[in-house]
């Protein structure tokens, strides 16, 4: 429940800042965004201190919302996410992260992120003797957002970006590739 309230708070802050930013012109430094992504979260086959049992994994559909602040070629931002497991061992994931990006091309970006993520595993994934289905920890990763303007479009900017990222948890004990579409305002 604590994880849900922190993620809800992060998403509410991102959405609350998005409303005033939408009224500004296209030259605004503030850039709110929302997106939908899908991918796999695969936990290491070797169990380590505090990790879930060996070999847990799950296919996910994730919603993200965030706010970037443009500082010329450098971008800083914050993001919240909620993911639902659609197959295998993961039921829900919630996260909040800070991002640091570098603009590329007309409107694309490469970024790194660091944050915290909460995972709730499906009840069928745990043996009956195990009571705690939650696993929390620091997450970090890298990714790119490719603007349609940089993929052959004639416009200088596009509000739609194709996003790909790879995240991990702990000391590289999980692998989480995700891809999707992000719309900026």
C-alpha atoms as a PDB file:
ATOM      1  CA  UNK A   1       0.000   0.000   0.000  1.00  0.00           C
ATOM      2  CA  UNK A   2       2.911   2.310   0.784  1.00  0.00           C
ATOM      3  CA  UNK A   3       4.324   1.696  -2.727  1.00  0.00           C
ATOM      4  CA  UNK A   4       0.992   2.539  -4.309  1.00  0.00           C
ATOM      5  CA  UNK A   5       0.684   5.826  -2.425  1.00  0.00           C
ATOM      6  CA  UNK A   6       4.234   6.963  -3.322  1.00  0.00           C
ATOM      7  CA  UNK A   7       3.703   6.147  -6.997  1.00  0.00           C
ATOM      8  CA  UNK A   8       0.304   7.820  -6.972  1.00  0.00           C
ATOM      9  CA  UNK A   9       1.954  10.899  -5.484  1.00  0.00           C
ATOM     10  CA  UNK A  10       4.660  10.924  -8.187  1.00  0.00           C
ATOM     11  CA  UNK A  11       2.091  10.578 -10.955  1.00  0.00           C
ATOM     12  CA  UNK A  12      -0.134  13.270  -9.438  1.00  0.00           C
ATOM     13  CA  UNK A  13       2.815  15.681  -9.231  1.00  0.00           C
ATOM     14  CA  UNK A  14       3.716  15.004 -12.862  1.00  0.00           C
ATOM     15  CA  UNK A  15       0.107  15.496 -13.977  1.00  0.00           C
ATOM     16  CA  UNK A  16      -0.320  18.614 -11.829  1.00  0.00           C
ATOM     17  CA  UNK A  17       2.686  20.257 -13.392  1.00  0.00           C
ATOM     18  CA  UNK A  18       1.565  19.264 -16.869  1.00  0.00           C
ATOM     19  CA  UNK A  19      -1.586  21.417 -16.844  1.00  0.00           C
ATOM     20  CA  UNK A  20       0.125  24.827 -16.582  1.00  0.00           C
ATOM     21  CA  UNK A  21       2.892  23.740 -18.968  1.00  0.00           C
ATOM     22  CA  UNK A  22       0.391  22.825 -21.686  1.00  0.00           C
ATOM     23  CA  UNK A  23      -0.774  26.448 -21.825  1.00  0.00           C
ATOM     24  CA  UNK A  24       2.726  27.644 -22.721  1.00  0.00           C
ATOM     25  CA  UNK A  25       4.054  27.942 -26.262  1.00  0.00           C
ATOM     26  CA  UNK A  26       6.227  25.351 -27.997  1.00  0.00           C
ATOM     27  CA  UNK A  27       9.407  27.109 -26.845  1.00  0.00           C
ATOM     28  CA  UNK A  28       8.714  26.190 -23.223  1.00  0.00           C
ATOM     29  CA  UNK A  29      11.467  24.677 -21.132  1.00  0.00           C
ATOM     30  CA  UNK A  30       8.922  22.444 -19.348  1.00  0.00           C
ATOM     31  CA  UNK A  31       7.911  19.331 -21.240  1.00  0.00           C
ATOM     32  CA  UNK A  32       5.328  17.001 -19.662  1.00  0.00           C
ATOM     33  CA  UNK A  33       4.856  13.600 -21.268  1.00  0.00           C
ATOM     34  CA  UNK A  34       2.881  10.363 -20.990  1.00  0.00           C
ATOM     35  CA  UNK A  35       3.519   7.016 -22.607  1.00  0.00           C
ATOM     36  CA  UNK A  36       2.694   3.340 -22.913  1.00  0.00           C
ATOM     37  CA  UNK A  37       5.395   0.674 -23.036  1.00  0.00           C
ATOM     38  CA  UNK A  38       5.726  -3.080 -22.997  1.00  0.00           C
ATOM     39  CA  UNK A  39       8.505  -5.521 -22.211  1.00  0.00           C
ATOM     40  CA  UNK A  40       9.931  -8.212 -19.985  1.00  0.00           C
ATOM     41  CA  UNK A  41      11.346  -8.078 -16.461  1.00  0.00           C
ATOM     42  CA  UNK A  42      13.678 -11.037 -15.944  1.00  0.00           C
ATOM     43  CA  UNK A  43      15.236 -11.596 -12.509  1.00  0.00           C
ATOM     44  CA  UNK A  44      18.594 -13.347 -12.138  1.00  0.00           C
ATOM     45  CA  UNK A  45      18.639 -17.134 -11.924  1.00  0.00           C
ATOM     46  CA  UNK A  46      20.913 -16.919  -8.864  1.00  0.00           C
ATOM     47  CA  UNK A  47      19.205 -15.812  -5.675  1.00  0.00           C
ATOM     48  CA  UNK A  48      21.111 -13.139  -3.768  1.00  0.00           C
ATOM     49  CA  UNK A  49      20.579 -11.258  -0.523  1.00  0.00           C
ATOM     50  CA  UNK A  50      16.992 -10.004  -0.378  1.00  0.00           C
ATOM     51  CA  UNK A  51      16.100 -11.002  -3.933  1.00  0.00           C
ATOM     52  CA  UNK A  52      13.052 -12.930  -5.078  1.00  0.00           C
ATOM     53  CA  UNK A  53      13.390 -16.695  -5.618  1.00  0.00           C
ATOM     54  CA  UNK A  54      15.509 -17.742  -8.598  1.00  0.00           C
ATOM     55  CA  UNK A  55      14.357 -17.200 -12.152  1.00  0.00           C
ATOM     56  CA  UNK A  56      11.291 -15.011 -11.673  1.00  0.00           C
ATOM     57  CA  UNK A  57      10.145 -13.092 -14.757  1.00  0.00           C
ATOM     58  CA  UNK A  58       7.107 -11.450 -16.246  1.00  0.00           C
ATOM     59  CA  UNK A  59       5.789  -9.681 -19.347  1.00  0.00           C
ATOM     60  CA  UNK A  60       4.570  -6.156 -18.553  1.00  0.00           C
ATOM     61  CA  UNK A  61       2.441  -3.339 -19.928  1.00  0.00           C
ATOM     62  CA  UNK A  62       3.531  -0.026 -18.392  1.00  0.00           C
ATOM     63  CA  UNK A  63       2.209   3.514 -18.240  1.00  0.00           C
ATOM     64  CA  UNK A  64       4.686   6.349 -17.652  1.00  0.00           C
ATOM     65  CA  UNK A  65       4.153  10.041 -16.891  1.00  0.00           C
ATOM     66  CA  UNK A  66       6.808  12.635 -16.285  1.00  0.00           C
ATOM     67  CA  UNK A  67       8.111  16.137 -16.649  1.00  0.00           C
ATOM     68  CA  UNK A  68      11.341  17.199 -18.386  1.00  0.00           C
ATOM     69  CA  UNK A  69      13.073  20.545 -17.964  1.00  0.00           C
ATOM     70  CA  UNK A  70      15.113  21.582 -21.013  1.00  0.00           C
ATOM     71  CA  UNK A  71      18.463  23.251 -20.370  1.00  0.00           C
ATOM     72  CA  UNK A  72      19.554  23.537 -23.998  1.00  0.00           C
ATOM     73  CA  UNK A  73      21.189  20.277 -25.056  1.00  0.00           C
ATOM     74  CA  UNK A  74      20.790  18.831 -21.521  1.00  0.00           C
ATOM     75  CA  UNK A  75      17.444  17.660 -20.111  1.00  0.00           C
ATOM     76  CA  UNK A  76      16.626  16.860 -16.466  1.00  0.00           C
ATOM     77  CA  UNK A  77      13.360  15.328 -15.367  1.00  0.00           C
ATOM     78  CA  UNK A  78      11.291  13.130 -13.086  1.00  0.00           C
ATOM     79  CA  UNK A  79       9.062  10.211 -13.993  1.00  0.00           C
ATOM     80  CA  UNK A  80       6.540   7.881 -12.385  1.00  0.00           C
ATOM     81  CA  UNK A  81       5.453   4.501 -13.730  1.00  0.00           C
ATOM     82  CA  UNK A  82       2.890   1.779 -13.128  1.00  0.00           C
ATOM     83  CA  UNK A  83       3.203  -1.636 -14.800  1.00  0.00           C
ATOM     84  CA  UNK A  84       0.797  -4.573 -14.851  1.00  0.00           C
ATOM     85  CA  UNK A  85       2.104  -8.089 -15.367  1.00  0.00           C
ATOM     86  CA  UNK A  86       0.276  -9.876 -18.168  1.00  0.00           C
ATOM     87  CA  UNK A  87       2.074 -13.222 -18.113  1.00  0.00           C
ATOM     88  CA  UNK A  88       4.252 -15.227 -15.718  1.00  0.00           C
ATOM     89  CA  UNK A  89       5.312 -14.181 -12.177  1.00  0.00           C
ATOM     90  CA  UNK A  90       4.846 -10.387 -11.808  1.00  0.00           C
ATOM     91  CA  UNK A  91       1.515  -8.905 -10.720  1.00  0.00           C
ATOM     92  CA  UNK A  92       2.312  -5.142 -10.445  1.00  0.00           C
ATOM     93  CA  UNK A  93       5.326  -2.816 -10.530  1.00  0.00           C
ATOM     94  CA  UNK A  94       5.455   0.835  -9.427  1.00  0.00           C
ATOM     95  CA  UNK A  95       8.377   3.218  -9.821  1.00  0.00           C
ATOM     96  CA  UNK A  96       9.670   6.755  -9.519  1.00  0.00           C
ATOM     97  CA  UNK A  97      12.911   7.965 -11.113  1.00  0.00           C
ATOM     98  CA  UNK A  98      14.972  10.983 -11.983  1.00  0.00           C
ATOM     99  CA  UNK A  99      16.282  11.354 -15.546  1.00  0.00           C
ATOM    100  CA  UNK A 100      19.237  13.102 -17.153  1.00  0.00           C
ATOM    101  CA  UNK A 101      19.207  13.353 -20.928  1.00  0.00           C
ATOM    102  CA  UNK A 102      21.197  14.664 -23.844  1.00  0.00           C
ATOM    103  CA  UNK A 103      19.408  15.969 -26.942  1.00  0.00           C
ATOM    104  CA  UNK A 104      20.336  14.461 -30.298  1.00  0.00           C
ATOM    105  CA  UNK A 105      19.207  15.383 -33.799  1.00  0.00           C
ATOM    106  CA  UNK A 106      16.186  17.658 -34.184  1.00  0.00           C
ATOM    107  CA  UNK A 107      14.153  16.440 -31.200  1.00  0.00           C
ATOM    108  CA  UNK A 108      15.435  13.045 -29.986  1.00  0.00           C
ATOM    109  CA  UNK A 109      17.202  12.236 -26.721  1.00  0.00           C
ATOM    110  CA  UNK A 110      19.491   9.719 -25.025  1.00  0.00           C
ATOM    111  CA  UNK A 111      18.907   9.423 -21.263  1.00  0.00           C
ATOM    112  CA  UNK A 112      20.017   7.759 -18.054  1.00  0.00           C
ATOM    113  CA  UNK A 113      17.725   7.266 -15.078  1.00  0.00           C
ATOM    114  CA  UNK A 114      17.959   6.337 -11.416  1.00  0.00           C
ATOM    115  CA  UNK A 115      15.069   5.667  -9.089  1.00  0.00           C
ATOM    116  CA  UNK A 116      13.242   3.203  -6.887  1.00  0.00           C
ATOM    117  CA  UNK A 117      10.921   0.401  -7.942  1.00  0.00           C
ATOM    118  CA  UNK A 118       8.434  -1.783  -6.109  1.00  0.00           C
ATOM    119  CA  UNK A 119       7.453  -5.216  -7.461  1.00  0.00           C
ATOM    120  CA  UNK A 120       4.542  -7.337  -6.272  1.00  0.00           C
ATOM    121  CA  UNK A 121       4.716 -10.903  -7.505  1.00  0.00           C
ATOM    122  CA  UNK A 122       1.681 -12.959  -8.445  1.00  0.00           C
ATOM    123  CA  UNK A 123       0.453 -15.241  -5.632  1.00  0.00           C
ATOM    124  CA  UNK A 124       0.871 -18.299  -7.868  1.00  0.00           C
ATOM    125  CA  UNK A 125       4.581 -17.493  -8.244  1.00  0.00           C
ATOM    126  CA  UNK A 126       5.363 -18.074  -4.563  1.00  0.00           C
ATOM    127  CA  UNK A 127       5.376 -21.373  -2.716  1.00  0.00           C
ATOM    128  CA  UNK A 128       2.611 -21.627  -0.079  1.00  0.00           C
ATOM    129  CA  UNK A 129       5.132 -21.213   2.797  1.00  0.00           C
ATOM    130  CA  UNK A 130       6.332 -17.798   1.573  1.00  0.00           C
ATOM    131  CA  UNK A 131       4.395 -14.835   2.937  1.00  0.00           C
ATOM    132  CA  UNK A 132       6.060 -11.784   1.365  1.00  0.00           C
ATOM    133  CA  UNK A 133       5.379 -11.336  -2.356  1.00  0.00           C
ATOM    134  CA  UNK A 134       7.052  -7.896  -2.547  1.00  0.00           C
ATOM    135  CA  UNK A 135      10.533  -6.929  -3.717  1.00  0.00           C
ATOM    136  CA  UNK A 136      11.743  -3.313  -3.652  1.00  0.00           C
ATOM    137  CA  UNK A 137      14.999  -1.727  -4.688  1.00  0.00           C
ATOM    138  CA  UNK A 138      17.003   0.886  -6.510  1.00  0.00           C
ATOM    139  CA  UNK A 139      16.673   0.793 -10.273  1.00  0.00           C
ATOM    140  CA  UNK A 140      18.803   2.407 -12.936  1.00  0.00           C
ATOM    141  CA  UNK A 141      19.045   2.279 -16.680  1.00  0.00           C
ATOM    142  CA  UNK A 142      19.649   3.910 -20.026  1.00  0.00           C
ATOM    143  CA  UNK A 143      17.448   4.587 -23.009  1.00  0.00           C
ATOM    144  CA  UNK A 144      16.583   6.657 -26.025  1.00  0.00           C
ATOM    145  CA  UNK A 145      13.560   8.545 -27.300  1.00  0.00           C
ATOM    146  CA  UNK A 146      13.508   8.869 -31.088  1.00  0.00           C
ATOM    147  CA  UNK A 147      11.398  11.706 -32.436  1.00  0.00           C
ATOM    148  CA  UNK A 148       9.407  11.194 -35.625  1.00  0.00           C
ATOM    149  CA  UNK A 149      11.026  14.456 -36.818  1.00  0.00           C
ATOM    150  CA  UNK A 150      14.411  12.685 -36.739  1.00  0.00           C
ATOM    151  CA  UNK A 151      13.121   9.594 -38.520  1.00  0.00           C
ATOM    152  CA  UNK A 152      12.531  11.185 -41.915  1.00  0.00           C
ATOM    153  CA  UNK A 153       9.876  13.754 -41.020  1.00  0.00           C
ATOM    154  CA  UNK A 154      10.119  17.272 -42.448  1.00  0.00           C
ATOM    155  CA  UNK A 155       9.076  19.005 -39.214  1.00  0.00           C
ATOM    156  CA  UNK A 156      11.621  20.409 -36.748  1.00  0.00           C
ATOM    157  CA  UNK A 157       9.773  18.822 -33.822  1.00  0.00           C
ATOM    158  CA  UNK A 158       7.322  16.022 -33.155  1.00  0.00           C
ATOM    159  CA  UNK A 159       5.157  15.382 -30.105  1.00  0.00           C
ATOM    160  CA  UNK A 160       5.469  11.612 -30.622  1.00  0.00           C
ATOM    161  CA  UNK A 161       8.619   9.686 -29.723  1.00  0.00           C
ATOM    162  CA  UNK A 162       9.481   6.005 -29.951  1.00  0.00           C
ATOM    163  CA  UNK A 163      11.136   4.977 -26.691  1.00  0.00           C
ATOM    164  CA  UNK A 164      13.441   2.074 -25.864  1.00  0.00           C
ATOM    165  CA  UNK A 165      15.144   1.534 -22.517  1.00  0.00           C
ATOM    166  CA  UNK A 166      16.949  -1.098 -20.473  1.00  0.00           C
ATOM    167  CA  UNK A 167      16.708  -1.025 -16.668  1.00  0.00           C
ATOM    168  CA  UNK A 168      18.246  -3.192 -13.990  1.00  0.00           C
ATOM    169  CA  UNK A 169      17.950  -3.591 -10.252  1.00  0.00           C
ATOM    170  CA  UNK A 170      20.537  -4.090  -7.511  1.00  0.00           C
ATOM    171  CA  UNK A 171      23.943  -5.212  -8.779  1.00  0.00           C
ATOM    172  CA  UNK A 172      22.682  -6.090 -12.273  1.00  0.00           C
ATOM    173  CA  UNK A 173      20.493  -8.901 -10.902  1.00  0.00           C
ATOM    174  CA  UNK A 174      17.572  -8.160 -13.185  1.00  0.00           C
ATOM    175  CA  UNK A 175      17.151  -7.275 -16.840  1.00  0.00           C
ATOM    176  CA  UNK A 176      14.182  -5.146 -17.965  1.00  0.00           C
ATOM    177  CA  UNK A 177      14.061  -4.140 -21.652  1.00  0.00           C
ATOM    178  CA  UNK A 178      11.004  -1.997 -22.521  1.00  0.00           C
ATOM    179  CA  UNK A 179       9.748  -0.347 -25.741  1.00  0.00           C
ATOM    180  CA  UNK A 180       6.827   1.929 -26.468  1.00  0.00           C
ATOM    181  CA  UNK A 181       5.470   5.297 -27.522  1.00  0.00           C
ATOM    182  CA  UNK A 182       5.704   8.580 -25.594  1.00  0.00           C
ATOM    183  CA  UNK A 183       3.665  11.721 -26.308  1.00  0.00           C
ATOM    184  CA  UNK A 184       4.999  15.067 -25.073  1.00  0.00           C
ATOM    185  CA  UNK A 185       2.926  18.212 -24.562  1.00  0.00           C
END
